[in-house]
Amino acid sequence: MKALFLKRRQLFHKQCARYLKYVLNDHFILFMLLGMGFVMVQYSQLIKHPPQDTFVLRMVVIVLLLGASFMGDFTAYLERPDQQFLLGKEAHVAREIERAHRKGFLIWTIIQLVTAVFLYPLALAAQLSLVSYVILVLLSIVINVAYFRRKLVALTSQQRVSWDAAINHDRHQKQAVLKFFSLFTQVKGISQSVRRRAFLDPVLTLFQQGTWLYLFARAFLRSGDYLRLSLRLALLSFFSLSLIGQDLVATVLAILFNYLLLFQLMALYNHYDYQYMTSLFPVTRGEKKRSLRLFLNGFFFFLLTIQVALAAVFFQDRVYLLVLIGVQIVLNVCYLPYKIEKLID
């Protein structure tokens, strides 16, 4: 039994390793180094020149430490057929879940301690004593123990396995990892859900002039994670433009989020491939391509309008506003058609 779950874990790690090379490319590493450098410089300045009223700083330290207690999880790599084929080995499966629980707890406790060490200079700047900080760290670990224990009890108890809960939990964990990789490349094995979102039905009426244009809009609003992902990345770009004082950094971040979103939304082209009736539509393949370009251009024009409005309010140097507009135009006019042809052909 142990060998079975070990093999599954190794296969999933191997799958992730194949996608990792697309994440850790030269551009992403360069951006990550620049981002880390910017964060460290700002962190150093905050420590050297803390605000006179340290109450807010103390609350930030407390929220970060306690918030880290609710970030961990674990995966036993259960699959749907296990509910039938491993039912006779339920006690062994329960032990594998407990083993995964212990391993996950250990890893996240180490991460929590590293976070505590990183935040300690900030705690000193907030005038927190060493004793108070140690008590706070211990409290966060106790909360983490209770958090992991609660997750374990929901999956198994007294050598009995809650099969549906355990299988759905592991599937959700693996899907979360694969969806992260899908930001950078095409990933196999991602499952999608459908939700109507009736309050967005009036938006669909704006896209009834074309068959594929309507279908792409419908998939964006109702299927999978397109809408949720778009909202997350759009909000991150809005926060970058409005909250980061460095115009250059804010512009680079906004462009990066737009690029990631553009890359992810190009998957709309293959969204209906499993529905063979679409091949009977009296439209050409070129119409499908044009509809996708039209939909994405309209979406990013709307997004860029909001970003430009925020940049006009918060930017000190309007040159970066022109850079933001220019880069997005290049992405839509040059990169988008090239990428669509490359992905399709």
Protein backbone atom coordinates (compact mmCIF):
# COMPACT_ATOMS: atom_id res chain seq x y z
CA MET A 1 0.00 0.00 0.00
CA LYS A 2 2.81 2.36 0.89
CA ALA A 3 4.52 1.63 -2.45
CA LEU A 4 1.29 2.40 -4.34
CA PHE A 5 0.87 5.86 -2.85
CA LEU A 6 4.60 6.53 -3.17
CA LYS A 7 4.40 5.75 -6.88
CA ARG A 8 1.43 8.08 -7.30
CA ARG A 9 3.26 10.87 -5.51
CA GLN A 10 6.34 10.36 -7.68
CA LEU A 11 4.27 10.38 -10.87
CA PHE A 12 2.58 13.63 -9.88
CA HIS A 13 5.92 15.21 -8.94
CA LYS A 14 7.32 14.09 -12.30
CA GLN A 15 4.37 15.70 -14.05
CA CYS A 16 4.94 18.94 -12.13
CA ALA A 17 8.67 18.84 -12.96
CA ARG A 18 7.82 18.78 -16.68
CA TYR A 19 5.75 21.93 -16.30
CA LEU A 20 8.24 23.63 -13.99
CA LYS A 21 10.63 24.39 -16.84
CA TYR A 22 7.94 26.60 -18.39
CA VAL A 23 7.52 28.49 -15.12
CA LEU A 24 11.20 29.02 -14.31
CA ASN A 25 12.08 30.59 -17.63
CA ASP A 26 14.54 33.45 -17.99
CA HIS A 27 11.89 36.17 -17.97
CA PHE A 28 10.10 34.85 -14.89
CA ILE A 29 13.34 34.39 -12.94
CA LEU A 30 14.44 37.92 -13.84
CA PHE A 31 11.08 39.32 -12.79
CA MET A 32 11.16 37.28 -9.58
CA LEU A 33 14.63 38.56 -8.70
CA LEU A 34 13.57 42.14 -9.37
CA GLY A 35 10.43 41.65 -7.30
CA MET A 36 12.36 40.12 -4.41
CA GLY A 37 14.88 42.93 -4.54
CA PHE A 38 12.12 45.53 -4.46
CA VAL A 39 10.40 43.81 -1.52
CA MET A 40 13.65 43.49 0.44
CA VAL A 41 14.53 47.16 -0.12
CA GLN A 42 11.07 48.28 1.02
CA TYR A 43 11.24 45.90 4.00
CA SER A 44 14.64 47.27 4.98
CA GLN A 45 13.38 50.85 4.76
CA LEU A 46 10.37 49.99 6.89
CA ILE A 47 12.59 48.45 9.57
CA LYS A 48 15.01 51.38 9.58
CA HIS A 49 12.29 54.02 9.53
CA PRO A 50 9.19 52.58 11.27
CA PRO A 51 6.12 54.79 11.74
CA GLN A 52 5.81 56.63 15.03
CA ASP A 53 2.54 54.87 15.80
CA THR A 54 3.57 51.20 15.92
CA PHE A 55 0.06 49.87 16.55
CA VAL A 56 -0.61 49.24 12.85
CA LEU A 57 2.79 47.59 12.48
CA ARG A 58 2.06 45.28 15.41
CA MET A 59 -1.27 44.30 13.92
CA VAL A 60 0.44 43.51 10.60
CA VAL A 61 2.92 41.20 12.36
CA ILE A 62 0.14 39.47 14.30
CA VAL A 63 -2.07 39.03 11.23
CA LEU A 64 0.81 37.64 9.14
CA LEU A 65 1.91 35.19 11.81
CA LEU A 66 -1.56 33.95 12.65
CA GLY A 67 -2.60 33.97 9.00
CA ALA A 68 0.30 31.63 8.18
CA SER A 69 -1.33 29.09 10.50
CA PHE A 70 -4.18 28.57 8.02
CA MET A 71 -2.15 28.12 4.83
CA GLY A 72 -0.99 24.51 5.11
CA ASP A 73 -2.47 21.36 3.65
CA PHE A 74 -1.55 17.80 2.72
CA THR A 75 -2.26 15.28 -0.04
CA ALA A 76 -2.45 11.48 0.16
CA TYR A 77 -3.00 11.08 -3.63
CA LEU A 78 -6.26 9.17 -3.44
CA GLU A 79 -8.15 8.57 -6.68
CA ARG A 80 -11.81 7.92 -7.43
CA PRO A 81 -11.49 4.12 -8.10
CA ASP A 82 -9.91 3.64 -4.66
CA GLN A 83 -13.37 3.84 -3.11
CA GLN A 84 -14.13 0.44 -4.65
CA PHE A 85 -10.80 -1.29 -5.19
CA LEU A 86 -9.16 -0.33 -1.88
CA LEU A 87 -12.24 -0.67 0.30
CA GLY A 88 -10.89 -3.90 1.79
CA LYS A 89 -7.68 -2.05 2.74
CA GLU A 90 -9.48 0.86 4.38
CA ALA A 91 -7.34 0.74 7.53
CA HIS A 92 -4.16 0.89 5.43
CA VAL A 93 -5.54 3.83 3.44
CA ALA A 94 -6.37 5.62 6.69
CA ARG A 95 -2.77 5.18 7.82
CA GLU A 96 -1.52 6.60 4.52
CA ILE A 97 -3.73 9.65 5.03
CA GLU A 98 -2.34 10.07 8.54
CA ARG A 99 1.20 9.74 7.20
CA ALA A 100 0.52 12.42 4.59
CA HIS A 101 -0.99 14.57 7.34
CA ARG A 102 2.17 14.32 9.47
CA LYS A 103 4.42 15.10 6.52
CA GLY A 104 2.32 18.09 5.47
CA PHE A 105 2.20 19.42 9.01
CA LEU A 106 5.98 19.15 9.37
CA ILE A 107 6.64 20.96 6.09
CA TRP A 108 4.25 23.79 6.85
CA THR A 109 5.53 24.14 10.41
CA ILE A 110 9.03 24.65 9.02
CA ILE A 111 7.65 27.25 6.60
CA GLN A 112 5.87 28.90 9.51
CA LEU A 113 9.09 29.08 11.55
CA VAL A 114 10.98 30.55 8.59
CA THR A 115 8.24 33.15 8.27
CA ALA A 116 8.57 33.93 11.98
CA VAL A 117 12.33 34.45 11.61
CA PHE A 118 11.76 36.71 8.59
CA LEU A 119 9.20 38.82 10.48
CA TYR A 120 11.23 39.15 13.68
CA PRO A 121 13.04 42.37 12.61
CA LEU A 122 9.64 43.85 11.80
CA ALA A 123 8.43 42.81 15.26
CA LEU A 124 11.39 44.60 16.82
CA ALA A 125 10.57 47.71 14.80
CA ALA A 126 7.00 47.42 16.12
CA GLN A 127 8.43 47.35 19.67
CA LEU A 128 7.29 43.80 20.42
CA SER A 129 9.37 42.15 23.13
CA LEU A 130 11.12 38.82 22.52
CA VAL A 131 8.89 37.07 25.06
CA SER A 132 5.73 38.41 23.43
CA TYR A 133 6.95 37.38 20.00
CA VAL A 134 7.84 33.85 21.12
CA ILE A 135 4.40 33.48 22.71
CA LEU A 136 2.83 34.70 19.47
CA VAL A 137 4.84 32.18 17.43
CA LEU A 138 3.90 29.33 19.78
CA LEU A 139 0.25 30.37 19.56
CA SER A 140 0.42 30.29 15.77
CA ILE A 141 1.90 26.77 15.89
CA VAL A 142 -0.86 25.61 18.25
CA ILE A 143 -3.44 27.04 15.84
CA ASN A 144 -1.69 25.23 13.00
CA VAL A 145 -1.88 21.94 14.94
CA ALA A 146 -5.62 22.40 15.47
CA TYR A 147 -6.09 23.41 11.82
CA PHE A 148 -4.34 20.30 10.49
CA ARG A 149 -6.09 18.09 13.02
CA ARG A 150 -9.46 19.39 11.92
CA LYS A 151 -8.63 18.57 8.30
CA LEU A 152 -7.52 15.06 9.26
CA VAL A 153 -10.67 14.34 11.30
CA ALA A 154 -12.80 15.40 8.32
CA LEU A 155 -11.12 12.71 6.19
CA THR A 156 -10.52 9.78 8.53
CA SER A 157 -11.36 8.69 12.06
CA GLN A 158 -10.70 5.42 13.92
CA GLN A 159 -9.22 3.73 10.83
CA ARG A 160 -12.33 4.62 8.80
CA VAL A 161 -12.08 6.77 5.68
CA SER A 162 -14.61 9.32 4.48
CA TRP A 163 -14.03 8.32 0.89
CA ASP A 164 -15.87 11.12 -0.90
CA ALA A 165 -14.36 13.82 1.30
CA ALA A 166 -10.83 12.38 1.06
CA ILE A 167 -10.95 11.88 -2.71
CA ASN A 168 -12.39 15.35 -3.34
CA HIS A 169 -9.80 16.87 -1.00
CA ASP A 170 -6.88 15.28 -2.86
CA ARG A 171 -8.37 16.12 -6.25
CA HIS A 172 -8.75 19.75 -5.19
CA GLN A 173 -5.14 19.90 -4.01
CA LYS A 174 -3.78 18.52 -7.28
CA GLN A 175 -6.06 20.75 -9.34
CA ALA A 176 -4.78 23.82 -7.48
CA VAL A 177 -1.19 22.94 -8.42
CA LEU A 178 -2.05 22.21 -12.04
CA LYS A 179 -4.03 25.43 -12.37
CA PHE A 180 -0.95 27.37 -11.26
CA PHE A 181 1.10 25.74 -14.01
CA SER A 182 -1.68 26.45 -16.49
CA LEU A 183 -0.86 30.15 -16.12
CA PHE A 184 2.36 29.48 -18.05
CA THR A 185 1.62 26.55 -20.39
CA GLN A 186 -1.07 24.14 -21.54
CA VAL A 187 -1.71 21.57 -18.80
CA LYS A 188 -3.49 18.23 -19.09
CA GLY A 189 -5.76 16.87 -16.40
CA ILE A 190 -7.53 20.07 -15.33
CA SER A 191 -11.22 19.53 -14.65
CA GLN A 192 -13.73 22.32 -15.13
CA SER A 193 -17.09 23.09 -13.60
CA VAL A 194 -20.06 24.98 -15.01
CA ARG A 195 -22.02 27.65 -13.18
CA ARG A 196 -24.72 29.75 -14.76
CA ARG A 197 -24.20 33.05 -12.87
CA ALA A 198 -27.62 34.35 -13.87
CA PHE A 199 -26.77 37.92 -12.90
CA LEU A 200 -24.34 38.00 -15.86
CA ASP A 201 -26.93 36.90 -18.41
CA PRO A 202 -27.45 40.49 -19.68
CA VAL A 203 -23.76 40.57 -20.62
CA LEU A 204 -24.29 37.66 -23.01
CA THR A 205 -26.80 39.71 -24.99
CA LEU A 206 -23.87 41.87 -26.14
CA PHE A 207 -22.31 38.94 -28.00
CA GLN A 208 -25.19 37.56 -30.07
CA GLN A 209 -23.92 38.81 -33.42
CA GLY A 210 -21.70 35.77 -33.99
CA THR A 211 -21.89 32.06 -33.23
CA TRP A 212 -18.37 31.57 -31.90
CA LEU A 213 -18.26 35.00 -30.31
CA TYR A 214 -21.32 34.09 -28.24
CA LEU A 215 -19.89 30.69 -27.32
CA PHE A 216 -16.57 32.18 -26.20
CA ALA A 217 -18.39 34.76 -24.07
CA ARG A 218 -20.59 32.03 -22.60
CA ALA A 219 -17.58 29.88 -21.74
CA PHE A 220 -15.83 32.85 -20.17
CA LEU A 221 -18.78 33.77 -17.97
CA ARG A 222 -20.03 30.30 -17.02
CA SER A 223 -17.45 27.58 -17.51
CA GLY A 224 -14.35 26.67 -15.59
CA ASP A 225 -12.21 29.24 -13.87
CA TYR A 226 -11.91 31.82 -16.64
CA LEU A 227 -13.95 34.46 -14.86
CA ARG A 228 -12.43 33.86 -11.41
CA LEU A 229 -8.90 33.91 -12.80
CA SER A 230 -9.61 37.08 -14.75
CA LEU A 231 -10.97 38.82 -11.68
CA ARG A 232 -7.96 37.80 -9.59
CA LEU A 233 -5.35 38.95 -12.08
CA ALA A 234 -7.29 42.11 -12.91
CA LEU A 235 -7.57 43.03 -9.23
CA LEU A 236 -3.85 42.36 -8.76
CA SER A 237 -3.07 44.72 -11.62
CA PHE A 238 -5.43 47.35 -10.17
CA PHE A 239 -3.78 47.08 -6.75
CA SER A 240 -0.34 47.32 -8.35
CA LEU A 241 -1.24 50.50 -10.21
CA SER A 242 -2.89 52.15 -7.22
CA LEU A 243 -0.87 51.00 -4.21
CA ILE A 244 2.74 50.67 -5.40
CA GLY A 245 4.53 53.99 -5.25
CA GLN A 246 7.15 53.07 -7.88
CA ASP A 247 5.64 53.77 -11.31
CA LEU A 248 8.08 51.48 -13.12
CA VAL A 249 7.40 48.51 -10.83
CA ALA A 250 3.64 49.08 -10.98
CA THR A 251 3.73 49.20 -14.79
CA VAL A 252 5.82 46.02 -15.07
CA LEU A 253 3.49 44.17 -12.70
CA ALA A 254 0.37 45.30 -14.58
CA ILE A 255 1.91 44.19 -17.89
CA LEU A 256 2.89 40.84 -16.39
CA PHE A 257 -0.62 40.19 -15.06
CA ASN A 258 -2.11 41.15 -18.43
CA TYR A 259 0.26 38.78 -20.21
CA LEU A 260 -0.58 35.89 -17.89
CA LEU A 261 -4.28 36.57 -18.35
CA LEU A 262 -3.95 36.75 -22.13
CA PHE A 263 -2.06 33.48 -22.23
CA GLN A 264 -4.65 31.77 -20.02
CA LEU A 265 -7.67 33.03 -21.96
CA MET A 266 -6.34 31.69 -25.25
CA ALA A 267 -7.40 28.27 -23.95
CA LEU A 268 -10.94 29.35 -24.83
CA TYR A 269 -10.25 28.28 -28.42
CA ASN A 270 -10.18 24.60 -27.43
CA HIS A 271 -12.92 24.82 -24.83
CA TYR A 272 -15.59 23.21 -27.06
CA ASP A 273 -13.38 20.60 -28.71
CA TYR A 274 -15.09 17.78 -26.83
CA GLN A 275 -18.47 18.82 -28.25
CA TYR A 276 -18.40 17.30 -31.72
CA MET A 277 -21.66 18.95 -32.78
CA THR A 278 -19.76 22.23 -33.13
CA SER A 279 -18.15 20.77 -36.27
CA LEU A 280 -21.60 20.97 -37.90
CA PHE A 281 -21.84 24.74 -37.48
CA PRO A 282 -22.10 26.48 -40.88
CA VAL A 283 -19.07 28.65 -40.11
CA THR A 284 -15.47 28.44 -41.25
CA ARG A 285 -12.45 27.78 -39.08
CA GLY A 286 -11.25 31.29 -39.83
CA GLU A 287 -14.44 32.65 -38.27
CA LYS A 288 -13.58 30.85 -35.03
CA LYS A 289 -10.14 32.47 -34.97
CA ARG A 290 -11.52 35.91 -35.74
CA SER A 291 -14.16 35.56 -33.03
CA LEU A 292 -11.57 34.68 -30.42
CA ARG A 293 -9.41 37.65 -31.41
CA LEU A 294 -12.44 39.94 -31.35
CA PHE A 295 -13.51 38.72 -27.92
CA LEU A 296 -10.05 38.99 -26.36
CA ASN A 297 -9.38 42.38 -27.93
CA GLY A 298 -12.66 43.70 -26.55
CA PHE A 299 -11.99 42.26 -23.11
CA PHE A 300 -8.48 43.68 -22.88
CA PHE A 301 -9.62 47.06 -24.22
CA PHE A 302 -12.12 47.20 -21.37
CA LEU A 303 -9.45 46.10 -18.88
CA LEU A 304 -6.91 48.59 -20.25
CA THR A 305 -9.43 51.42 -19.93
CA ILE A 306 -9.73 50.81 -16.18
CA GLN A 307 -5.96 50.45 -15.81
CA VAL A 308 -5.28 53.68 -17.67
CA ALA A 309 -7.80 55.51 -15.48
CA LEU A 310 -6.05 54.25 -12.33
CA ALA A 311 -2.60 55.06 -13.73
CA ALA A 312 -3.72 58.57 -14.64
CA VAL A 313 -4.72 59.14 -11.03
CA PHE A 314 -1.80 57.51 -9.19
CA PHE A 315 1.21 57.78 -11.53
CA GLN A 316 3.64 60.65 -11.10
CA ASP A 317 5.35 60.09 -14.46
CA ARG A 318 2.84 59.83 -17.31
CA VAL A 319 5.45 58.22 -19.56
CA TYR A 320 4.75 54.89 -17.89
CA LEU A 321 1.07 55.30 -18.71
CA LEU A 322 2.04 55.45 -22.39
CA VAL A 323 4.28 52.41 -21.89
CA LEU A 324 1.36 50.47 -20.44
CA ILE A 325 -0.86 51.39 -23.40
CA GLY A 326 1.86 50.66 -25.96
CA VAL A 327 2.80 47.25 -24.59
CA GLN A 328 -0.84 46.16 -24.40
CA ILE A 329 -1.41 47.24 -28.00
CA VAL A 330 1.63 45.21 -29.07
CA LEU A 331 0.31 42.19 -27.15
CA ASN A 332 -3.12 42.45 -28.78
CA VAL A 333 -2.06 43.38 -32.31
CA CYS A 334 1.13 41.31 -32.72
CA TYR A 335 1.45 38.68 -30.02
CA LEU A 336 -2.17 37.51 -29.85
CA PRO A 337 -2.56 36.60 -33.58
CA TYR A 338 0.85 34.90 -33.58
CA LYS A 339 0.07 32.88 -30.46
CA ILE A 340 -3.36 31.82 -31.72
CA GLU A 341 -1.87 30.55 -34.98
CA LYS A 342 0.94 28.77 -33.13
CA LEU A 343 -1.38 27.06 -30.65
CA ILE A 344 -3.87 26.03 -33.31
CA ASP A 345 -1.43 24.89 -35.99
